[in-house]
Amino acid sequence: MLALIIRRLALGLVTVWLVSVIIFLGVEALPGDACTAILERDAHGEALAKCREVMGLTTPALTRYLDWSGGILTGDFGLSANGQERIAELVGYRLRNSLLLAAGALGVGIPLAIFLGVIAGLWRDRWPDILFSTGAIFAMTIPEFVAATILILIFAIWLGWVPAIVLTPADAPPLEFFPEFILASTVLTMLMIAHVMRMVRASMIEVMAGDYVQMATLKGVPYWRIVFRHALPNALLPAINVIALTVAWLLGGVVVVEVVFNYPGLGRLLVDAISDRDLPVVQAITMIVAITYVGVNLVADILSLALNPRLRSHQERGA
């Protein structure tokens, strides 16, 4: 088991390194640089040369990559394109705010998705399954900005229960975002419940049709004991990876939701950085999202190996 974990960790580190190379080369391939973004119309002649010298853009690409990647290991992402703000401080508050938004969605969405998925799986093709599955498909097909607009119209404009957008500054204490972040968290919760519930439902149906469940039923084991002690733990195993991908998506893939609600998170900062051609900030956010994806999936793989002896033995034979 330890050898498998070490192998997965090594693969994760290699993946992060490859992603860092791709990100750096991709930014290098773009026309212009941080100095052309700062100087704009004045980006020529002596002013452009001096700016590039100050920001270290005249050094070879390999040297700049080593400096940049070495700084990431120590938590130093360098300076933004204007040269006045440290990216670590700029991104820190936005990352915290995105984590706050994700925590609100996960805290409500995961338990509710598991509950609805189990109910839909146990009552397959009956009215609970039809109701929940229809709602899940509806939530999965509606674009985020449409769902956000509908919620703003109903709960903020018509009913006036919550604010329509977030006006709290990014560096404010977390409690000050309440209740402004409720609608944004609700949109993410709806989308997350739809995906996780469908996976739990499918897994529950498959597990309940398994031979060991049929054998337990023939032996007279109480139905709900079979469900909670034998079926549910096995049904949740496939959902672990879906939940892991959802967590990573919540941190880096909620750009539309954060823009619609003016939420000062990582996704909104990425949009602003792209608009301002702040390439160092774009690099930093992209790298943070990549590390998050790799880390969360690594944890999911380890949990799957730890909770599923058959999968672990299969991996050991393959090794």
C-alpha atoms as a PDB file:
ATOM      1  CA  MET A   1       0.000   0.000   0.000  1.00  0.00           C
ATOM      2  CA  LEU A   2       2.817   2.400   0.880  1.00  0.00           C
ATOM      3  CA  ALA A   3       4.577   1.609  -2.405  1.00  0.00           C
ATOM      4  CA  LEU A   4       1.383   2.378  -4.341  1.00  0.00           C
ATOM      5  CA  ILE A   5       0.963   5.695  -2.524  1.00  0.00           C
ATOM      6  CA  ILE A   6       4.585   6.633  -3.246  1.00  0.00           C
ATOM      7  CA  ARG A   7       4.086   5.752  -6.908  1.00  0.00           C
ATOM      8  CA  ARG A   8       0.928   7.864  -7.173  1.00  0.00           C
ATOM      9  CA  LEU A   9       2.682  10.741  -5.404  1.00  0.00           C
ATOM     10  CA  ALA A  10       5.623  10.534  -7.812  1.00  0.00           C
ATOM     11  CA  LEU A  11       3.262  10.533 -10.807  1.00  0.00           C
ATOM     12  CA  GLY A  12       1.487  13.538  -9.336  1.00  0.00           C
ATOM     13  CA  LEU A  13       4.747  15.458  -8.980  1.00  0.00           C
ATOM     14  CA  VAL A  14       5.745  14.613 -12.545  1.00  0.00           C
ATOM     15  CA  THR A  15       2.335  15.797 -13.754  1.00  0.00           C
ATOM     16  CA  VAL A  16       2.690  19.086 -11.892  1.00  0.00           C
ATOM     17  CA  TRP A  17       6.147  19.602 -13.387  1.00  0.00           C
ATOM     18  CA  LEU A  18       4.898  18.924 -16.917  1.00  0.00           C
ATOM     19  CA  VAL A  19       1.995  21.319 -16.383  1.00  0.00           C
ATOM     20  CA  SER A  20       4.382  24.025 -15.169  1.00  0.00           C
ATOM     21  CA  VAL A  21       6.483  23.607 -18.318  1.00  0.00           C
ATOM     22  CA  ILE A  22       3.402  23.793 -20.551  1.00  0.00           C
ATOM     23  CA  ILE A  23       2.103  26.890 -18.740  1.00  0.00           C
ATOM     24  CA  PHE A  24       5.448  28.670 -18.979  1.00  0.00           C
ATOM     25  CA  LEU A  25       5.942  27.816 -22.659  1.00  0.00           C
ATOM     26  CA  GLY A  26       2.365  28.805 -23.442  1.00  0.00           C
ATOM     27  CA  VAL A  27       2.804  32.230 -21.878  1.00  0.00           C
ATOM     28  CA  GLU A  28       6.164  32.619 -23.609  1.00  0.00           C
ATOM     29  CA  ALA A  29       4.512  31.898 -26.953  1.00  0.00           C
ATOM     30  CA  LEU A  30       1.964  34.684 -26.523  1.00  0.00           C
ATOM     31  CA  PRO A  31       2.651  37.959 -28.329  1.00  0.00           C
ATOM     32  CA  GLY A  32       4.012  40.645 -26.024  1.00  0.00           C
ATOM     33  CA  ASP A  33       4.984  40.348 -22.375  1.00  0.00           C
ATOM     34  CA  ALA A  34       4.377  41.999 -19.013  1.00  0.00           C
ATOM     35  CA  CYS A  35       6.213  45.165 -20.088  1.00  0.00           C
ATOM     36  CA  THR A  36       4.118  45.655 -23.217  1.00  0.00           C
ATOM     37  CA  ALA A  37       1.020  45.272 -21.028  1.00  0.00           C
ATOM     38  CA  ILE A  38       2.285  47.878 -18.546  1.00  0.00           C
ATOM     39  CA  LEU A  39       3.581  50.452 -21.034  1.00  0.00           C
ATOM     40  CA  GLU A  40       0.850  49.946 -23.649  1.00  0.00           C
ATOM     41  CA  ARG A  41       1.376  52.655 -26.314  1.00  0.00           C
ATOM     42  CA  ASP A  42       4.758  53.571 -24.856  1.00  0.00           C
ATOM     43  CA  ALA A  43       6.060  50.003 -25.245  1.00  0.00           C
ATOM     44  CA  HIS A  44       8.988  50.786 -27.499  1.00  0.00           C
ATOM     45  CA  GLY A  45      12.532  52.017 -27.451  1.00  0.00           C
ATOM     46  CA  GLU A  46      14.432  52.745 -24.263  1.00  0.00           C
ATOM     47  CA  ALA A  47      11.387  52.579 -21.984  1.00  0.00           C
ATOM     48  CA  LEU A  48      10.568  49.037 -23.127  1.00  0.00           C
ATOM     49  CA  ALA A  49      14.185  47.905 -22.824  1.00  0.00           C
ATOM     50  CA  LYS A  50      14.528  49.367 -19.330  1.00  0.00           C
ATOM     51  CA  CYS A  51      11.269  47.752 -18.184  1.00  0.00           C
ATOM     52  CA  ARG A  52      12.344  44.356 -19.451  1.00  0.00           C
ATOM     53  CA  GLU A  53      15.688  44.701 -17.706  1.00  0.00           C
ATOM     54  CA  VAL A  54      14.052  45.655 -14.405  1.00  0.00           C
ATOM     55  CA  MET A  55      11.592  42.755 -14.584  1.00  0.00           C
ATOM     56  CA  GLY A  56      14.272  40.273 -15.618  1.00  0.00           C
ATOM     57  CA  LEU A  57      12.772  39.546 -19.020  1.00  0.00           C
ATOM     58  CA  THR A  58      16.114  39.863 -20.774  1.00  0.00           C
ATOM     59  CA  THR A  59      17.503  36.718 -19.115  1.00  0.00           C
ATOM     60  CA  PRO A  60      17.273  33.370 -20.977  1.00  0.00           C
ATOM     61  CA  ALA A  61      13.935  31.566 -20.849  1.00  0.00           C
ATOM     62  CA  LEU A  62      15.402  28.565 -19.018  1.00  0.00           C
ATOM     63  CA  THR A  63      16.777  30.806 -16.253  1.00  0.00           C
ATOM     64  CA  ARG A  64      13.429  32.549 -15.877  1.00  0.00           C
ATOM     65  CA  TYR A  65      11.614  29.211 -15.734  1.00  0.00           C
ATOM     66  CA  LEU A  66      13.941  27.909 -13.019  1.00  0.00           C
ATOM     67  CA  ASP A  67      13.501  31.113 -11.007  1.00  0.00           C
ATOM     68  CA  TRP A  68       9.723  31.000 -11.438  1.00  0.00           C
ATOM     69  CA  SER A  69       9.338  27.306 -10.580  1.00  0.00           C
ATOM     70  CA  GLY A  70      11.744  27.651  -7.651  1.00  0.00           C
ATOM     71  CA  GLY A  71       9.663  30.520  -6.313  1.00  0.00           C
ATOM     72  CA  ILE A  72       6.504  28.414  -6.527  1.00  0.00           C
ATOM     73  CA  LEU A  73       8.104  25.809  -4.263  1.00  0.00           C
ATOM     74  CA  THR A  74       8.560  28.506  -1.598  1.00  0.00           C
ATOM     75  CA  GLY A  75       5.169  30.127  -2.188  1.00  0.00           C
ATOM     76  CA  ASP A  76       6.631  33.131  -4.006  1.00  0.00           C
ATOM     77  CA  PHE A  77       4.906  33.752  -7.357  1.00  0.00           C
ATOM     78  CA  GLY A  78       6.740  37.003  -7.978  1.00  0.00           C
ATOM     79  CA  LEU A  79       5.220  40.388  -8.808  1.00  0.00           C
ATOM     80  CA  SER A  80       2.180  41.263 -10.890  1.00  0.00           C
ATOM     81  CA  ALA A  81       2.593  42.980 -14.245  1.00  0.00           C
ATOM     82  CA  ASN A  82       2.499  46.458 -12.699  1.00  0.00           C
ATOM     83  CA  GLY A  83       5.440  45.508 -10.490  1.00  0.00           C
ATOM     84  CA  GLN A  84       3.747  46.884  -7.371  1.00  0.00           C
ATOM     85  CA  GLU A  85       1.856  43.910  -5.922  1.00  0.00           C
ATOM     86  CA  ARG A  86       3.120  40.553  -4.792  1.00  0.00           C
ATOM     87  CA  ILE A  87       1.103  37.836  -6.500  1.00  0.00           C
ATOM     88  CA  ALA A  88       1.068  35.649  -3.384  1.00  0.00           C
ATOM     89  CA  GLU A  89      -0.768  38.372  -1.444  1.00  0.00           C
ATOM     90  CA  LEU A  90      -3.047  39.207  -4.370  1.00  0.00           C
ATOM     91  CA  VAL A  91      -4.009  35.573  -4.939  1.00  0.00           C
ATOM     92  CA  GLY A  92      -4.133  34.653  -1.250  1.00  0.00           C
ATOM     93  CA  TYR A  93      -7.362  36.500  -0.447  1.00  0.00           C
ATOM     94  CA  ARG A  94      -8.996  35.350  -3.672  1.00  0.00           C
ATOM     95  CA  LEU A  95      -8.055  31.729  -2.996  1.00  0.00           C
ATOM     96  CA  ARG A  96      -9.489  32.017   0.512  1.00  0.00           C
ATOM     97  CA  ASN A  97     -12.737  33.419  -0.882  1.00  0.00           C
ATOM     98  CA  SER A  98     -13.019  30.617  -3.438  1.00  0.00           C
ATOM     99  CA  LEU A  99     -12.412  28.088  -0.659  1.00  0.00           C
ATOM    100  CA  LEU A 100     -15.179  29.748   1.355  1.00  0.00           C
ATOM    101  CA  LEU A 101     -17.555  29.470  -1.595  1.00  0.00           C
ATOM    102  CA  ALA A 102     -16.553  25.863  -2.198  1.00  0.00           C
ATOM    103  CA  ALA A 103     -16.975  24.965   1.472  1.00  0.00           C
ATOM    104  CA  GLY A 104     -20.515  26.332   1.469  1.00  0.00           C
ATOM    105  CA  ALA A 105     -21.413  24.336  -1.636  1.00  0.00           C
ATOM    106  CA  LEU A 106     -19.717  21.131  -0.455  1.00  0.00           C
ATOM    107  CA  GLY A 107     -21.134  21.278   3.066  1.00  0.00           C
ATOM    108  CA  VAL A 108     -24.685  21.269   1.747  1.00  0.00           C
ATOM    109  CA  GLY A 109     -24.271  19.576  -1.619  1.00  0.00           C
ATOM    110  CA  ILE A 110     -22.362  16.378  -0.796  1.00  0.00           C
ATOM    111  CA  PRO A 111     -24.670  15.044   1.974  1.00  0.00           C
ATOM    112  CA  LEU A 112     -27.774  16.007   0.000  1.00  0.00           C
ATOM    113  CA  ALA A 113     -26.448  14.455  -3.222  1.00  0.00           C
ATOM    114  CA  ILE A 114     -25.632  11.175  -1.458  1.00  0.00           C
ATOM    115  CA  PHE A 115     -29.049  11.091   0.200  1.00  0.00           C
ATOM    116  CA  LEU A 116     -30.950  11.792  -3.022  1.00  0.00           C
ATOM    117  CA  GLY A 117     -28.776   9.350  -4.982  1.00  0.00           C
ATOM    118  CA  VAL A 118     -29.436   6.546  -2.494  1.00  0.00           C
ATOM    119  CA  ILE A 119     -33.189   7.211  -2.502  1.00  0.00           C
ATOM    120  CA  ALA A 120     -33.282   7.318  -6.317  1.00  0.00           C
ATOM    121  CA  GLY A 121     -31.273   4.097  -6.564  1.00  0.00           C
ATOM    122  CA  LEU A 122     -33.389   2.184  -4.059  1.00  0.00           C
ATOM    123  CA  TRP A 123     -36.666   3.325  -5.642  1.00  0.00           C
ATOM    124  CA  ARG A 124     -35.538   2.898  -9.229  1.00  0.00           C
ATOM    125  CA  ASP A 125     -38.107   3.852 -11.892  1.00  0.00           C
ATOM    126  CA  ARG A 126     -40.591   4.943  -9.230  1.00  0.00           C
ATOM    127  CA  TRP A 127     -41.711   8.474  -8.500  1.00  0.00           C
ATOM    128  CA  PRO A 128     -38.762   9.463  -6.205  1.00  0.00           C
ATOM    129  CA  ASP A 129     -36.290   8.322  -8.856  1.00  0.00           C
ATOM    130  CA  ILE A 130     -38.180  10.019 -11.676  1.00  0.00           C
ATOM    131  CA  LEU A 131     -38.484  13.262  -9.698  1.00  0.00           C
ATOM    132  CA  PHE A 132     -34.856  13.454  -8.545  1.00  0.00           C
ATOM    133  CA  SER A 133     -33.370  12.257 -11.837  1.00  0.00           C
ATOM    134  CA  THR A 134     -35.419  14.743 -13.847  1.00  0.00           C
ATOM    135  CA  GLY A 135     -34.310  17.548 -11.539  1.00  0.00           C
ATOM    136  CA  ALA A 136     -30.671  16.444 -11.840  1.00  0.00           C
ATOM    137  CA  ILE A 137     -30.784  16.350 -15.644  1.00  0.00           C
ATOM    138  CA  PHE A 138     -32.461  19.757 -15.670  1.00  0.00           C
ATOM    139  CA  ALA A 139     -29.737  21.208 -13.406  1.00  0.00           C
ATOM    140  CA  MET A 140     -26.951  19.644 -15.501  1.00  0.00           C
ATOM    141  CA  THR A 141     -28.269  21.062 -18.784  1.00  0.00           C
ATOM    142  CA  ILE A 142     -28.873  24.648 -17.660  1.00  0.00           C
ATOM    143  CA  PRO A 143     -25.786  26.863 -18.121  1.00  0.00           C
ATOM    144  CA  GLU A 144     -24.407  28.414 -14.942  1.00  0.00           C
ATOM    145  CA  PHE A 145     -25.116  31.991 -16.027  1.00  0.00           C
ATOM    146  CA  VAL A 146     -28.758  31.139 -16.789  1.00  0.00           C
ATOM    147  CA  ALA A 147     -29.285  29.510 -13.382  1.00  0.00           C
ATOM    148  CA  ALA A 148     -27.546  32.451 -11.710  1.00  0.00           C
ATOM    149  CA  THR A 149     -29.704  34.976 -13.541  1.00  0.00           C
ATOM    150  CA  ILE A 150     -32.917  33.146 -12.614  1.00  0.00           C
ATOM    151  CA  LEU A 151     -31.929  32.988  -8.934  1.00  0.00           C
ATOM    152  CA  ILE A 152     -31.048  36.696  -8.917  1.00  0.00           C
ATOM    153  CA  LEU A 153     -34.394  37.548 -10.533  1.00  0.00           C
ATOM    154  CA  ILE A 154     -36.434  35.487  -8.069  1.00  0.00           C
ATOM    155  CA  PHE A 155     -34.661  35.806  -4.726  1.00  0.00           C
ATOM    156  CA  ALA A 156     -32.915  39.168  -5.050  1.00  0.00           C
ATOM    157  CA  ILE A 157     -35.222  41.273  -7.241  1.00  0.00           C
ATOM    158  CA  TRP A 158     -38.711  39.829  -6.781  1.00  0.00           C
ATOM    159  CA  LEU A 159     -38.494  38.619  -3.186  1.00  0.00           C
ATOM    160  CA  GLY A 160     -35.607  40.769  -1.961  1.00  0.00           C
ATOM    161  CA  TRP A 161     -34.365  38.101   0.423  1.00  0.00           C
ATOM    162  CA  VAL A 162     -30.652  38.289  -0.424  1.00  0.00           C
ATOM    163  CA  PRO A 163     -28.318  40.717  -2.247  1.00  0.00           C
ATOM    164  CA  ALA A 164     -28.019  40.233  -5.990  1.00  0.00           C
ATOM    165  CA  ILE A 165     -24.240  40.660  -6.195  1.00  0.00           C
ATOM    166  CA  VAL A 166     -21.280  40.707  -3.838  1.00  0.00           C
ATOM    167  CA  LEU A 167     -19.991  44.173  -2.912  1.00  0.00           C
ATOM    168  CA  THR A 168     -17.677  43.116  -0.080  1.00  0.00           C
ATOM    169  CA  PRO A 169     -13.965  43.703  -0.880  1.00  0.00           C
ATOM    170  CA  ALA A 170     -11.712  40.698  -1.410  1.00  0.00           C
ATOM    171  CA  ASP A 171      -9.667  41.259   1.769  1.00  0.00           C
ATOM    172  CA  ALA A 172     -12.688  41.490   4.077  1.00  0.00           C
ATOM    173  CA  PRO A 173     -13.143  38.938   6.907  1.00  0.00           C
ATOM    174  CA  PRO A 174     -14.995  35.791   5.765  1.00  0.00           C
ATOM    175  CA  LEU A 175     -18.115  36.488   7.842  1.00  0.00           C
ATOM    176  CA  GLU A 176     -18.721  39.741   5.967  1.00  0.00           C
ATOM    177  CA  PHE A 177     -19.502  37.783   2.791  1.00  0.00           C
ATOM    178  CA  PHE A 178     -22.680  36.440   4.404  1.00  0.00           C
ATOM    179  CA  PRO A 179     -25.401  36.646   3.092  1.00  0.00           C
ATOM    180  CA  GLU A 180     -24.004  38.007  -0.198  1.00  0.00           C
ATOM    181  CA  PHE A 181     -22.455  34.704  -1.262  1.00  0.00           C
ATOM    182  CA  ILE A 182     -25.626  32.619  -0.700  1.00  0.00           C
ATOM    183  CA  LEU A 183     -26.888  32.798  -4.292  1.00  0.00           C
ATOM    184  CA  ALA A 184     -23.473  31.992  -5.778  1.00  0.00           C
ATOM    185  CA  SER A 185     -23.102  29.036  -3.427  1.00  0.00           C
ATOM    186  CA  THR A 186     -26.619  27.866  -4.305  1.00  0.00           C
ATOM    187  CA  VAL A 187     -25.816  27.751  -8.036  1.00  0.00           C
ATOM    188  CA  LEU A 188     -22.696  25.661  -7.386  1.00  0.00           C
ATOM    189  CA  THR A 189     -24.613  23.391  -4.999  1.00  0.00           C
ATOM    190  CA  MET A 190     -27.270  22.681  -7.626  1.00  0.00           C
ATOM    191  CA  LEU A 191     -24.687  21.713 -10.233  1.00  0.00           C
ATOM    192  CA  MET A 192     -22.691  19.584  -7.810  1.00  0.00           C
ATOM    193  CA  ILE A 193     -25.751  17.722  -6.496  1.00  0.00           C
ATOM    194  CA  ALA A 194     -26.773  16.847 -10.054  1.00  0.00           C
ATOM    195  CA  HIS A 195     -23.449  15.229 -10.985  1.00  0.00           C
ATOM    196  CA  VAL A 196     -22.775  13.430  -7.694  1.00  0.00           C
ATOM    197  CA  MET A 197     -26.373  12.248  -7.297  1.00  0.00           C
ATOM    198  CA  ARG A 198     -26.378  10.617 -10.727  1.00  0.00           C
ATOM    199  CA  MET A 199     -23.178   8.733  -9.923  1.00  0.00           C
ATOM    200  CA  VAL A 200     -24.437   7.563  -6.516  1.00  0.00           C
ATOM    201  CA  ARG A 201     -27.730   6.465  -8.049  1.00  0.00           C
ATOM    202  CA  ALA A 202     -26.031   4.384 -10.747  1.00  0.00           C
ATOM    203  CA  SER A 203     -23.633   2.835  -8.219  1.00  0.00           C
ATOM    204  CA  MET A 204     -26.453   2.046  -5.808  1.00  0.00           C
ATOM    205  CA  ILE A 205     -28.447   0.263  -8.503  1.00  0.00           C
ATOM    206  CA  GLU A 206     -25.420  -1.796  -9.516  1.00  0.00           C
ATOM    207  CA  VAL A 207     -24.502  -2.709  -5.942  1.00  0.00           C
ATOM    208  CA  MET A 208     -28.050  -3.700  -4.958  1.00  0.00           C
ATOM    209  CA  ALA A 209     -28.071  -6.120  -7.883  1.00  0.00           C
ATOM    210  CA  GLY A 210     -24.815  -7.706  -6.740  1.00  0.00           C
ATOM    211  CA  ASP A 211     -24.533 -11.365  -5.722  1.00  0.00           C
ATOM    212  CA  TYR A 212     -23.517 -10.649  -2.131  1.00  0.00           C
ATOM    213  CA  VAL A 213     -26.571  -8.443  -1.616  1.00  0.00           C
ATOM    214  CA  GLN A 214     -28.833 -11.159  -3.020  1.00  0.00           C
ATOM    215  CA  MET A 215     -27.162 -13.710  -0.749  1.00  0.00           C
ATOM    216  CA  ALA A 216     -27.630 -11.478   2.298  1.00  0.00           C
ATOM    217  CA  THR A 217     -31.297 -11.072   1.390  1.00  0.00           C
ATOM    218  CA  LEU A 218     -31.758 -14.851   1.116  1.00  0.00           C
ATOM    219  CA  LYS A 219     -30.131 -15.277   4.543  1.00  0.00           C
ATOM    220  CA  GLY A 220     -32.735 -12.986   6.061  1.00  0.00           C
ATOM    221  CA  VAL A 221     -30.515  -9.996   6.813  1.00  0.00           C
ATOM    222  CA  PRO A 222     -32.728  -6.932   7.442  1.00  0.00           C
ATOM    223  CA  TYR A 223     -33.135  -4.776   4.356  1.00  0.00           C
ATOM    224  CA  TRP A 224     -31.903  -1.501   5.808  1.00  0.00           C
ATOM    225  CA  ARG A 225     -28.915  -3.237   7.370  1.00  0.00           C
ATOM    226  CA  ILE A 226     -27.979  -4.493   3.907  1.00  0.00           C
ATOM    227  CA  VAL A 227     -28.370  -0.991   2.517  1.00  0.00           C
ATOM    228  CA  PHE A 228     -26.307   0.917   5.099  1.00  0.00           C
ATOM    229  CA  ARG A 229     -23.724  -1.689   6.083  1.00  0.00           C
ATOM    230  CA  HIS A 230     -23.012  -3.459   2.803  1.00  0.00           C
ATOM    231  CA  ALA A 231     -24.424  -1.586  -0.191  1.00  0.00           C
ATOM    232  CA  LEU A 232     -23.854   2.065   0.648  1.00  0.00           C
ATOM    233  CA  PRO A 233     -20.077   1.879   1.404  1.00  0.00           C
ATOM    234  CA  ASN A 234     -19.465   0.084  -1.909  1.00  0.00           C
ATOM    235  CA  ALA A 235     -21.751   2.445  -3.809  1.00  0.00           C
ATOM    236  CA  LEU A 236     -19.839   5.482  -2.551  1.00  0.00           C
ATOM    237  CA  LEU A 237     -16.486   4.281  -3.895  1.00  0.00           C
ATOM    238  CA  PRO A 238     -17.099   5.392  -7.524  1.00  0.00           C
ATOM    239  CA  ALA A 239     -18.451   8.707  -6.228  1.00  0.00           C
ATOM    240  CA  ILE A 240     -15.131   9.563  -4.559  1.00  0.00           C
ATOM    241  CA  ASN A 241     -13.478  10.502  -7.856  1.00  0.00           C
ATOM    242  CA  VAL A 242     -16.527  12.507  -8.932  1.00  0.00           C
ATOM    243  CA  ILE A 243     -16.452  14.419  -5.647  1.00  0.00           C
ATOM    244  CA  ALA A 244     -12.714  15.005  -6.073  1.00  0.00           C
ATOM    245  CA  LEU A 245     -13.206  16.444  -9.555  1.00  0.00           C
ATOM    246  CA  THR A 246     -16.046  18.571  -8.210  1.00  0.00           C
ATOM    247  CA  VAL A 247     -13.830  20.018  -5.477  1.00  0.00           C
ATOM    248  CA  ALA A 248     -11.146  20.902  -8.016  1.00  0.00           C
ATOM    249  CA  TRP A 249     -13.759  22.388 -10.340  1.00  0.00           C
ATOM    250  CA  LEU A 250     -15.175  24.518  -7.518  1.00  0.00           C
ATOM    251  CA  LEU A 251     -11.768  26.139  -6.976  1.00  0.00           C
ATOM    252  CA  GLY A 252     -10.820  26.795 -10.567  1.00  0.00           C
ATOM    253  CA  GLY A 253     -13.806  26.312 -12.822  1.00  0.00           C
ATOM    254  CA  VAL A 254     -16.406  28.688 -11.370  1.00  0.00           C
ATOM    255  CA  VAL A 255     -15.361  31.656 -13.465  1.00  0.00           C
ATOM    256  CA  VAL A 256     -18.857  32.276 -14.833  1.00  0.00           C
ATOM    257  CA  VAL A 257     -20.519  32.154 -11.410  1.00  0.00           C
ATOM    258  CA  GLU A 258     -17.980  34.476  -9.825  1.00  0.00           C
ATOM    259  CA  VAL A 259     -18.250  36.972 -12.678  1.00  0.00           C
ATOM    260  CA  VAL A 260     -22.072  36.997 -12.627  1.00  0.00           C
ATOM    261  CA  PHE A 261     -22.219  37.587  -8.871  1.00  0.00           C
ATOM    262  CA  ASN A 262     -19.136  39.848  -8.789  1.00  0.00           C
ATOM    263  CA  TYR A 263     -17.627  37.451  -6.256  1.00  0.00           C
ATOM    264  CA  PRO A 264     -13.967  38.268  -5.496  1.00  0.00           C
ATOM    265  CA  GLY A 265     -12.622  34.753  -5.960  1.00  0.00           C
ATOM    266  CA  LEU A 266      -9.882  33.089  -7.949  1.00  0.00           C
ATOM    267  CA  GLY A 267     -11.978  32.758 -11.111  1.00  0.00           C
ATOM    268  CA  ARG A 268     -12.883  36.442 -11.157  1.00  0.00           C
ATOM    269  CA  LEU A 269      -9.247  37.391 -10.635  1.00  0.00           C
ATOM    270  CA  LEU A 270      -8.270  35.182 -13.581  1.00  0.00           C
ATOM    271  CA  VAL A 271     -10.733  36.980 -15.869  1.00  0.00           C
ATOM    272  CA  ASP A 272      -9.450  40.375 -14.725  1.00  0.00           C
ATOM    273  CA  ALA A 273      -5.828  39.288 -15.187  1.00  0.00           C
ATOM    274  CA  ILE A 274      -6.527  38.099 -18.733  1.00  0.00           C
ATOM    275  CA  SER A 275      -8.301  41.360 -19.568  1.00  0.00           C
ATOM    276  CA  ASP A 276      -5.364  43.373 -18.182  1.00  0.00           C
ATOM    277  CA  ARG A 277      -2.812  41.048 -19.830  1.00  0.00           C
ATOM    278  CA  ASP A 278      -1.287  40.464 -16.407  1.00  0.00           C
ATOM    279  CA  LEU A 279       0.580  37.346 -17.519  1.00  0.00           C
ATOM    280  CA  PRO A 280       2.388  36.651 -14.192  1.00  0.00           C
ATOM    281  CA  VAL A 281      -0.964  36.497 -12.384  1.00  0.00           C
ATOM    282  CA  VAL A 282      -2.431  34.281 -15.118  1.00  0.00           C
ATOM    283  CA  GLN A 283       0.533  31.932 -14.742  1.00  0.00           C
ATOM    284  CA  ALA A 284       0.158  31.800 -10.971  1.00  0.00           C
ATOM    285  CA  ILE A 285      -3.592  31.113 -10.979  1.00  0.00           C
ATOM    286  CA  THR A 286      -3.292  28.468 -13.683  1.00  0.00           C
ATOM    287  CA  MET A 287      -0.558  26.745 -11.695  1.00  0.00           C
ATOM    288  CA  ILE A 288      -2.635  26.843  -8.495  1.00  0.00           C
ATOM    289  CA  VAL A 289      -5.596  25.284 -10.299  1.00  0.00           C
ATOM    290  CA  ALA A 290      -3.376  22.578 -11.808  1.00  0.00           C
ATOM    291  CA  ILE A 291      -1.841  21.735  -8.428  1.00  0.00           C
ATOM    292  CA  THR A 292      -5.346  21.573  -6.955  1.00  0.00           C
ATOM    293  CA  TYR A 293      -6.551  19.138  -9.628  1.00  0.00           C
ATOM    294  CA  VAL A 294      -3.533  16.875  -9.187  1.00  0.00           C
ATOM    295  CA  GLY A 295      -3.650  17.003  -5.392  1.00  0.00           C
ATOM    296  CA  VAL A 296      -7.370  16.329  -5.077  1.00  0.00           C
ATOM    297  CA  ASN A 297      -7.253  13.452  -7.554  1.00  0.00           C
ATOM    298  CA  LEU A 298      -4.244  12.010  -5.720  1.00  0.00           C
ATOM    299  CA  VAL A 299      -6.222  12.030  -2.466  1.00  0.00           C
ATOM    300  CA  ALA A 300      -9.175  10.419  -4.242  1.00  0.00           C
ATOM    301  CA  ASP A 301      -6.978   7.655  -5.665  1.00  0.00           C
ATOM    302  CA  ILE A 302      -5.473   6.939  -2.254  1.00  0.00           C
ATOM    303  CA  LEU A 303      -8.927   6.810  -0.639  1.00  0.00           C
ATOM    304  CA  SER A 304     -10.161   4.460  -3.353  1.00  0.00           C
ATOM    305  CA  LEU A 305      -7.193   2.144  -2.796  1.00  0.00           C
ATOM    306  CA  ALA A 306      -7.627   2.241   0.967  1.00  0.00           C
ATOM    307  CA  LEU A 307     -11.377   1.574   0.923  1.00  0.00           C
ATOM    308  CA  ASN A 308     -11.456  -1.033  -1.854  1.00  0.00           C
ATOM    309  CA  PRO A 309      -9.319  -4.128  -1.103  1.00  0.00           C
ATOM    310  CA  ARG A 310     -10.065  -5.631  -4.527  1.00  0.00           C
ATOM    311  CA  LEU A 311      -8.757  -2.556  -6.313  1.00  0.00           C
ATOM    312  CA  ARG A 312      -5.676  -2.525  -4.095  1.00  0.00           C
ATOM    313  CA  SER A 313      -4.891  -6.193  -4.792  1.00  0.00           C
ATOM    314  CA  HIS A 314      -5.386  -5.581  -8.533  1.00  0.00           C
ATOM    315  CA  GLN A 315      -2.948  -2.690  -8.425  1.00  0.00           C
ATOM    316  CA  GLU A 316      -0.422  -4.787  -6.519  1.00  0.00           C
ATOM    317  CA  ARG A 317      -0.619  -7.582  -9.098  1.00  0.00           C
ATOM    318  CA  GLY A 318      -0.174  -5.032 -11.861  1.00  0.00           C
ATOM    319  CA  ALA A 319       2.895  -3.656 -10.106  1.00  0.00           C
END
